[in-house]
Protein backbone atom coordinates (compact mmCIF):
# COMPACT_ATOMS: atom_id res chain seq x y z
CA MET A 1 -81.44 41.89 -41.08
CA ALA A 2 -78.24 41.08 -38.69
CA PHE A 3 -75.95 44.30 -38.07
CA PRO A 4 -72.15 44.26 -38.14
CA CYS A 5 -70.56 44.07 -34.85
CA ALA A 6 -69.66 47.33 -33.13
CA PRO A 7 -65.59 47.70 -32.28
CA SER A 8 -66.16 47.27 -28.60
CA CYS A 9 -67.86 43.77 -29.25
CA ALA A 10 -64.72 42.64 -31.08
CA TRP A 11 -62.42 43.45 -28.22
CA VAL A 12 -64.86 41.84 -26.09
CA ALA A 13 -64.59 38.53 -28.62
CA LEU A 14 -61.01 38.82 -28.51
CA LEU A 15 -60.59 38.82 -24.68
CA LEU A 16 -63.11 35.80 -24.27
CA PHE A 17 -61.03 33.90 -27.17
CA ALA A 18 -57.44 34.91 -26.55
CA PRO A 19 -55.33 32.33 -24.59
CA GLN A 20 -54.54 32.95 -20.98
CA GLN A 21 -50.93 33.35 -19.89
CA ASP A 22 -49.32 30.33 -18.36
CA PHE A 23 -47.22 32.38 -15.54
CA LEU A 24 -45.66 29.14 -14.20
CA SER A 25 -44.53 27.78 -17.42
CA ASP A 26 -43.11 31.19 -18.65
CA GLY A 27 -41.59 31.53 -15.13
CA LEU A 28 -39.94 28.24 -15.57
CA LYS A 29 -38.50 29.11 -19.00
CA ALA A 30 -37.20 32.38 -17.68
CA LEU A 31 -35.58 30.34 -14.87
CA ASP A 32 -33.95 28.04 -17.10
CA SER A 33 -32.58 31.10 -19.22
CA ASN A 34 -30.77 32.49 -15.68
CA GLN A 35 -33.23 35.33 -15.20
CA PRO A 36 -34.44 34.75 -12.01
CA ALA A 37 -35.77 38.34 -11.55
CA ALA A 38 -37.94 37.75 -14.58
CA ALA A 39 -38.98 34.60 -13.34
CA GLU A 40 -39.82 35.91 -9.68
CA ALA A 41 -42.27 38.24 -11.35
CA LEU A 42 -44.23 35.73 -13.13
CA PHE A 43 -44.12 33.18 -10.31
CA ARG A 44 -45.54 35.89 -8.27
CA GLN A 45 -48.29 35.89 -10.60
CA ALA A 46 -48.63 32.43 -10.64
CA ALA A 47 -49.11 32.13 -6.76
CA SER A 48 -51.56 35.19 -6.50
CA GLY A 49 -53.78 33.26 -9.25
CA ASP A 50 -53.97 30.22 -7.38
CA PRO A 51 -52.22 30.44 -3.57
CA ALA A 52 -52.52 26.97 -3.05
CA ASP A 53 -50.63 25.78 -6.06
CA PHE A 54 -47.43 24.65 -4.12
CA SER A 55 -45.24 24.53 -7.20
CA ALA A 56 -45.42 27.92 -7.77
CA HIS A 57 -44.23 28.81 -4.33
CA PHE A 58 -41.56 26.41 -5.06
CA ASN A 59 -40.37 27.83 -7.79
CA LEU A 60 -40.74 31.50 -6.27
CA ALA A 61 -38.75 30.40 -3.57
CA LEU A 62 -35.95 29.01 -6.01
CA ALA A 63 -36.14 32.43 -8.21
CA LEU A 64 -35.62 34.18 -4.63
CA SER A 65 -32.67 32.06 -3.62
CA ALA A 66 -30.76 32.75 -6.82
CA GLN A 67 -31.06 36.68 -6.14
CA GLN A 68 -29.99 35.94 -2.57
CA LYS A 69 -33.21 36.69 -1.09
CA ASP A 70 -32.79 34.30 1.54
CA THR A 71 -35.50 35.73 4.04
CA GLU A 72 -38.53 35.69 1.45
CA ALA A 73 -36.98 32.35 0.15
CA ILE A 74 -37.05 30.72 3.29
CA GLN A 75 -40.53 31.83 3.89
CA GLU A 76 -41.82 30.40 0.51
CA PHE A 77 -40.35 27.11 1.01
CA ARG A 78 -41.82 26.95 4.43
CA ARG A 79 -45.06 27.87 2.54
CA THR A 80 -44.52 25.00 -0.07
CA LEU A 81 -43.86 22.10 2.61
CA GLU A 82 -47.39 23.44 4.11
CA LEU A 83 -49.03 23.04 0.97
CA LYS A 84 -46.92 19.83 0.08
CA PRO A 85 -45.74 18.27 3.28
CA SER A 86 -42.56 16.16 2.94
CA LEU A 87 -41.64 17.47 -0.50
CA TYR A 88 -38.14 16.26 -0.76
CA PRO A 89 -36.67 19.35 -3.23
CA ALA A 90 -38.52 21.32 -0.54
CA ASP A 91 -36.87 20.23 2.34
CA THR A 92 -33.50 20.25 0.73
CA ASN A 93 -33.32 23.59 -0.25
CA LEU A 94 -34.80 25.04 2.61
CA ALA A 95 -32.24 23.44 4.69
CA THR A 96 -29.29 24.43 2.30
CA LEU A 97 -30.93 28.10 2.55
CA LEU A 98 -30.82 27.94 6.22
CA MET A 99 -27.45 26.42 6.68
CA ARG A 100 -25.99 29.41 4.47
CA ASN A 101 -27.61 32.02 7.10
CA LYS A 102 -25.76 29.87 9.79
CA ARG A 103 -29.23 28.23 11.23
CA PRO A 104 -28.02 24.83 11.30
CA ALA A 105 -30.26 23.92 14.05
CA ASP A 106 -33.24 25.00 12.30
CA ALA A 107 -31.97 23.06 9.27
CA LEU A 108 -31.75 19.69 11.06
CA PRO A 109 -35.21 18.84 11.61
CA VAL A 110 -36.37 19.70 7.83
CA LEU A 111 -33.16 17.48 6.96
CA LYS A 112 -34.31 14.59 8.92
CA ASP A 113 -37.60 14.75 7.27
CA ALA A 114 -35.92 14.63 3.80
CA LEU A 115 -33.94 11.61 5.32
CA ALA A 116 -36.92 9.74 6.28
CA GLN A 117 -37.92 9.95 2.50
CA LYS A 118 -34.99 8.91 1.06
CA PRO A 119 -32.22 7.65 3.48
CA ALA A 120 -30.23 6.06 1.08
CA ASP A 121 -29.90 9.34 -0.85
CA PRO A 122 -26.09 10.29 -0.77
CA ARG A 123 -26.97 14.15 -1.02
CA ALA A 124 -29.60 14.18 1.98
CA ASN A 125 -27.08 12.54 4.20
CA LEU A 126 -24.29 14.81 3.24
CA LEU A 127 -26.57 17.85 3.97
CA TYR A 128 -27.74 16.31 7.26
CA ALA A 129 -23.88 15.69 8.10
CA ASP A 130 -23.33 19.26 7.34
CA ALA A 131 -25.86 20.43 9.58
CA LEU A 132 -24.86 18.32 12.42
CA PHE A 133 -21.21 19.53 11.94
CA GLN A 134 -22.32 23.30 11.89
CA ASN A 135 -24.16 22.62 14.93
CA GLY A 136 -21.24 21.17 16.88
CA ASP A 137 -22.64 17.67 16.85
CA ILE A 138 -19.30 16.24 15.41
CA VAL A 139 -19.64 12.35 16.42
CA GLN A 140 -22.86 12.30 14.51
CA ALA A 141 -21.62 14.20 11.75
CA ALA A 142 -19.02 11.86 11.48
CA ASP A 143 -21.21 8.98 11.27
CA TYR A 144 -23.55 10.54 8.54
CA TYR A 145 -20.39 11.63 6.23
CA ARG A 146 -19.22 8.31 6.56
CA LYS A 147 -22.47 6.85 5.23
CA ALA A 148 -22.49 9.46 2.39
CA ALA A 149 -19.49 8.37 1.11
CA GLU A 150 -20.60 4.93 1.14
CA LEU A 151 -23.20 5.67 -0.70
CA ASP A 152 -21.30 7.67 -3.09
CA PRO A 153 -17.67 6.72 -3.13
CA LYS A 154 -16.87 9.44 -5.41
CA SER A 155 -18.20 12.40 -3.50
CA ALA A 156 -15.28 14.42 -2.59
CA ALA A 157 -17.43 16.93 -0.12
CA ALA A 158 -18.35 13.71 1.92
CA LEU A 159 -14.69 12.59 1.92
CA ALA A 160 -13.84 16.00 3.23
CA GLY A 161 -16.24 16.37 5.46
CA LEU A 162 -15.56 13.01 7.28
CA GLY A 163 -11.69 14.06 7.37
CA ARG A 164 -12.70 17.53 8.72
CA SER A 165 -14.97 15.58 11.46
CA GLU A 166 -12.12 13.27 12.02
CA LEU A 167 -9.59 16.12 12.58
CA LYS A 168 -12.03 17.73 15.22
CA LEU A 169 -12.31 14.19 17.15
CA SER A 170 -8.26 14.21 16.85
CA LYS A 171 -8.27 11.10 14.48
CA LEU A 172 -5.31 12.21 12.60
CA THR A 173 -4.41 9.09 10.46
CA ASP A 174 -7.94 8.59 9.20
CA ALA A 175 -8.66 12.42 8.85
CA SER A 176 -5.26 12.36 6.56
CA ALA A 177 -6.53 9.49 4.78
CA HIS A 178 -10.19 10.79 4.10
CA VAL A 179 -8.72 14.26 2.94
CA ARG A 180 -6.30 12.81 0.66
CA ALA A 181 -9.07 10.89 -1.05
CA ALA A 182 -11.15 14.37 -1.54
CA VAL A 183 -8.34 16.41 -2.84
CA ALA A 184 -7.53 13.12 -5.30
CA LEU A 185 -11.29 13.36 -6.48
CA ASP A 186 -11.47 17.31 -6.43
CA PRO A 187 -8.58 19.58 -6.03
CA GLN A 188 -10.75 22.25 -4.61
CA TYR A 189 -10.43 20.64 -1.38
CA LYS A 190 -6.56 20.68 -1.05
CA PRO A 191 -7.00 23.52 1.74
CA ALA A 192 -8.15 21.39 3.79
CA LEU A 193 -4.71 19.85 3.94
CA LEU A 194 -3.75 23.01 5.82
CA ASP A 195 -6.30 22.06 8.57
CA LEU A 196 -4.30 18.66 9.02
CA ALA A 197 -1.18 20.35 9.07
CA ALA A 198 -2.32 22.95 11.85
CA GLU A 199 -3.40 19.67 13.85
CA TYR A 200 -0.22 17.72 13.19
CA GLU A 201 1.57 21.17 14.65
CA HIS A 202 -0.80 20.72 17.62
CA ALA A 203 0.05 17.24 18.18
CA ARG A 204 3.46 17.95 17.78
CA ARG A 205 4.10 16.08 14.65
CA ILE A 206 6.39 18.57 13.13
CA PRO A 207 7.90 16.93 10.05
CA GLU A 208 4.41 16.05 8.98
CA ALA A 209 3.22 19.49 9.04
CA ILE A 210 6.29 20.99 7.37
CA ALA A 211 5.68 18.28 4.49
CA ILE A 212 2.02 19.37 4.03
CA TYR A 213 3.25 22.96 4.17
CA ARG A 214 5.85 22.25 1.26
CA GLU A 215 2.96 21.32 -0.91
CA PHE A 216 1.86 24.70 -0.88
CA PRO A 217 4.67 26.62 -2.50
CA ASP A 218 2.73 29.27 -3.42
CA ASN A 219 0.83 29.88 -0.45
CA PRO A 220 2.82 32.66 1.56
CA ALA A 221 1.18 31.87 5.14
CA ALA A 222 1.88 28.02 4.66
CA ARG A 223 5.37 29.01 3.39
CA GLU A 224 5.86 31.41 6.59
CA ARG A 225 4.26 28.24 8.81
CA MET A 226 6.94 25.86 7.21
CA SER A 227 9.98 28.01 7.84
CA ARG A 228 8.99 28.96 11.05
CA LEU A 229 8.60 25.17 12.01
CA GLN A 230 12.02 24.85 10.74
CA LEU A 231 13.39 27.63 12.50
CA ASP A 232 11.97 26.00 15.79
CA ALA A 233 13.59 22.73 14.97
CA GLY A 234 17.23 24.44 14.45
CA ASN A 235 17.10 24.54 10.40
CA PHE A 236 17.68 28.02 9.64
CA ALA A 237 19.42 27.72 6.52
CA GLY A 238 16.41 25.64 5.35
CA ALA A 239 13.98 28.08 6.52
CA ILE A 240 15.30 31.24 4.73
CA PRO A 241 14.54 30.69 1.29
CA GLY A 242 10.37 29.65 2.16
CA LEU A 243 10.69 32.83 4.24
CA GLU A 244 12.30 35.13 1.33
CA ALA A 245 9.65 33.87 -1.26
CA ALA A 246 6.87 34.51 1.30
CA VAL A 247 8.40 37.90 1.47
CA ARG A 248 8.63 38.26 -2.17
CA GLN A 249 5.05 37.63 -2.58
CA ALA A 250 3.55 39.24 0.22
CA PRO A 251 5.94 41.58 1.97
CA SER A 252 3.96 42.14 4.98
CA THR A 253 5.55 43.08 8.27
CA ALA A 254 4.94 39.69 9.64
CA ASN A 255 6.81 37.96 6.97
CA ARG A 256 9.74 40.47 7.20
CA LEU A 257 9.94 40.09 10.80
CA ALA A 258 9.89 36.33 10.35
CA LEU A 259 12.58 36.56 8.04
CA ALA A 260 14.90 38.87 10.23
CA ASP A 261 14.31 36.20 12.82
CA ALA A 262 15.92 33.64 10.41
CA TYR A 263 18.81 35.51 8.99
CA LYS A 264 19.59 36.55 12.77
CA LEU A 265 19.75 33.05 13.85
CA ASP A 266 21.92 32.37 10.89
CA LYS A 267 23.97 35.35 11.75
CA GLN A 268 23.56 37.30 8.76
CA GLY A 269 23.22 40.61 10.26
CA ASP A 270 23.11 42.80 7.49
CA LYS A 271 20.33 41.24 6.28
CA VAL A 272 18.56 41.30 9.60
CA ILE A 273 18.84 44.94 9.67
CA GLU A 274 17.86 45.40 5.92
CA GLN A 275 14.44 43.69 6.83
CA LEU A 276 13.88 45.55 9.82
CA GLN A 277 14.72 49.08 7.85
CA LEU A 278 11.89 47.67 5.51
CA ALA A 279 9.28 46.83 8.29
CA SER A 280 9.98 50.14 10.12
CA ALA A 281 9.50 52.03 7.07
CA ALA A 282 6.16 50.21 6.73
CA GLU A 283 4.97 50.73 10.08
CA PRO A 284 6.88 53.59 11.19
CA ALA A 285 4.79 53.82 14.52
CA ASN A 286 5.81 50.32 15.52
CA TYR A 287 7.71 50.61 19.10
CA ASP A 288 8.84 47.12 19.11
CA ILE A 289 10.37 47.51 15.17
CA HIS A 290 12.08 50.76 16.35
CA MET A 291 13.43 48.70 19.14
CA ASP A 292 14.76 45.60 17.69
CA LEU A 293 16.30 47.36 14.94
CA GLY A 294 18.21 49.65 17.39
CA ARG A 295 19.85 46.90 19.16
CA GLU A 296 20.79 45.29 15.80
CA LEU A 297 22.26 48.06 14.84
CA ARG A 298 23.98 48.82 18.42
CA ASP A 299 25.28 44.99 18.34
CA GLN A 300 27.01 46.23 14.95
CA ARG A 301 28.46 49.06 16.45
CA LYS A 302 26.59 51.36 14.57
CA PHE A 303 25.80 53.56 17.41
CA VAL A 304 24.55 56.86 15.81
CA PRO A 305 21.78 54.84 13.89
CA ALA A 306 20.93 52.82 16.66
CA ALA A 307 20.48 56.07 18.74
CA GLN A 308 18.14 57.09 15.99
CA GLN A 309 15.97 54.29 16.52
CA PHE A 310 15.73 54.27 20.12
CA ALA A 311 14.90 57.56 20.21
CA ALA A 312 12.03 57.18 17.82
CA GLY A 313 10.97 54.38 20.23
CA ALA A 314 11.08 56.75 23.41
CA ARG A 315 8.99 59.38 21.26
CA LEU A 316 6.36 56.65 20.85
CA ARG A 317 6.41 55.44 24.23
CA PRO A 318 7.50 58.09 26.51
CA ASN A 319 7.01 56.56 29.57
CA GLU A 320 8.73 53.24 28.61
CA VAL A 321 12.02 53.32 30.59
CA LYS A 322 13.65 50.52 28.22
CA ALA A 323 13.86 52.95 25.55
CA TRP A 324 15.68 55.83 27.39
CA ASN A 325 17.84 53.31 28.84
CA GLU A 326 18.99 52.06 25.63
CA LEU A 327 19.04 55.36 23.88
CA ALA A 328 21.24 56.78 26.95
CA ALA A 329 23.70 53.77 26.74
CA VAL A 330 24.36 54.42 22.90
CA LEU A 331 24.82 57.96 23.01
CA VAL A 332 27.16 57.62 25.91
CA VAL A 333 29.12 54.88 24.08
CA SER A 334 29.08 57.32 21.15
CA GLU A 335 30.29 60.00 23.53
CA ASP A 336 27.15 62.21 23.26
CA TYR A 337 27.49 63.23 26.76
CA PRO A 338 24.63 65.81 26.99
CA GLY A 339 22.30 63.71 25.12
CA GLY A 340 23.35 60.65 27.15
CA LEU A 341 22.74 62.70 30.09
CA ALA A 342 19.30 63.91 29.08
CA ALA A 343 18.24 60.44 28.33
CA LEU A 344 19.26 59.35 31.93
CA ASP A 345 17.17 62.46 33.13
CA HIS A 346 14.28 60.84 31.54
CA VAL A 347 14.68 57.40 33.23
CA ARG A 348 15.08 59.49 36.54
CA ALA A 349 12.09 61.30 36.16
CA LEU A 350 10.09 58.03 35.73
CA GLY A 351 11.46 56.90 39.17
CA LYS A 352 13.26 53.76 37.63
CA GLU A 353 16.99 54.21 38.02
CA VAL A 354 19.21 51.10 38.00
CA PRO A 355 22.61 50.57 39.06
CA GLY A 356 23.91 51.02 35.19
CA ASP A 357 22.16 54.50 35.15
CA PHE A 358 24.42 55.61 37.95
CA PHE A 359 27.32 54.41 36.01
CA TYR A 360 26.57 55.97 33.12
CA ARG A 361 25.46 59.41 34.67
CA ALA A 362 28.76 59.46 36.41
CA ILE A 363 30.72 58.89 32.88
CA CYS A 364 28.66 61.72 31.70
CA LEU A 365 29.10 64.23 34.08
CA GLU A 366 32.66 63.45 34.41
CA LYS A 367 32.98 64.10 30.82
CA LEU A 368 31.09 67.18 31.20
CA HIS A 369 33.78 68.41 33.87
CA GLN A 370 31.37 68.20 36.78
CA PRO A 371 33.58 66.01 39.06
CA LYS A 372 31.54 66.41 42.43
CA PRO A 373 28.12 65.15 40.96
CA ALA A 374 30.18 62.60 39.00
CA LEU A 375 32.08 61.52 42.07
CA GLU A 376 28.23 61.13 43.69
CA ALA A 377 27.11 59.08 40.90
CA TYR A 378 29.74 56.78 41.01
CA ARG A 379 29.18 56.15 44.83
CA GLN A 380 25.75 55.64 44.10
CA PHE A 381 26.66 52.91 41.63
CA LEU A 382 28.65 51.11 43.94
CA THR A 383 26.41 51.01 46.84
CA ALA A 384 23.44 49.96 44.58
CA ASP A 385 25.43 47.37 42.23
CA GLY A 386 26.10 44.88 44.52
CA GLY A 387 28.59 42.90 42.70
CA LYS A 388 26.31 42.55 39.43
CA LEU A 389 29.03 44.09 37.15
CA PRO A 390 31.87 43.89 38.55
CA ASP A 391 34.09 45.34 35.91
CA GLN A 392 32.17 48.45 35.97
CA GLU A 393 32.44 48.15 39.78
CA PHE A 394 36.40 48.29 39.36
CA GLN A 395 36.33 50.88 36.76
CA ALA A 396 34.11 53.27 39.14
CA ARG A 397 36.31 52.42 42.09
CA GLN A 398 39.32 53.79 40.26
CA ARG A 399 37.60 56.69 38.80
CA VAL A 400 36.19 57.83 42.67
CA ARG A 401 39.98 57.50 44.01
CA ILE A 402 41.20 59.94 40.89
CA ILE A 403 38.49 62.32 41.31
CA GLU A 404 38.68 62.58 45.10
CA SER A 405 42.71 63.23 44.79
CA GLU A 406 41.82 66.04 42.25
CA LEU A 407 39.24 67.64 44.43
CA ASN A 408 41.59 67.32 47.42
CA ARG A 409 44.27 69.13 45.25
CA HIS A 410 41.83 72.08 44.77
């Protein structure tokens, strides 16, 4: 008489006859569905179930690579190649990861193996060229970029790489042709033209550099370079619109100072001051901007605001004699004699007086009704100047005679 199977027997039967999960197949589905983390777990199961299955290790490496887990991915690609030497997809993917991690020297032998398998494959030649370029072997890189471009004339990457190599080799005409061809195929390579423009600058082919920069109207840095070159060429008016646009789009201190330079050369003093004031507001601790702004204000005879800028410079660099000298000069001219004398005392304390300082000191002392020290300062100036400031020497001699006469009367 047969007895019905106990419940435990039923579970044993189910386990014996249930299909085993195909981890590799399921992992590929997850990878195709852009779920690399899920795929990684499945491929790990497949690899642990059969450690000699090179496809499990290869696909695990792909899943790791998709998650930027490059160190582990590199290990898995190497394990794949141990199990299946000269597997072309493993070679190329491993080399790509090595280059992504700035290891072109390690990528070269791997790609050499890939090229041995597929010498006429454009991708293998392109990757090998990239590795050579990153490793500093520019001549060989150019050869392989050229071969990749010949094998695939529509490869913008190969043409751009060839142009980049030719730039390094100072073959500007060839580089221009190849970079332009790359851009025509794929506009994403257009920024490579900026490298070409920089090389044109280096070669003093300025009109060609300007022409390229003009192709980047929405790039503030390109507009700034173009305008700078125009300034150097004396085309001040032509440089201003580009610099104004650069300031509108990127109102950085560097752009404002470049625009201020252009306005200055074009003799637009008020606009120079405006840009320097905005630059100073953005960088109040910038000594040079305070000094430049002070000089512009001084030259427009705006002595009080000029003094404020020189004083700010002096506070930032109390041991900088130029700031104190500039401050003293504008204070004396604006008839602030106590302030001028105080600034001159700072110069004296630094031990860096020049003949003009004695002259300004004499004026301050005379205006402050100190004739004897004023007379001494005038004499110091006349002794030290040696004919460099003839107008001031004439004035100083006149004042010496007058002060001596007045002192003799008393």
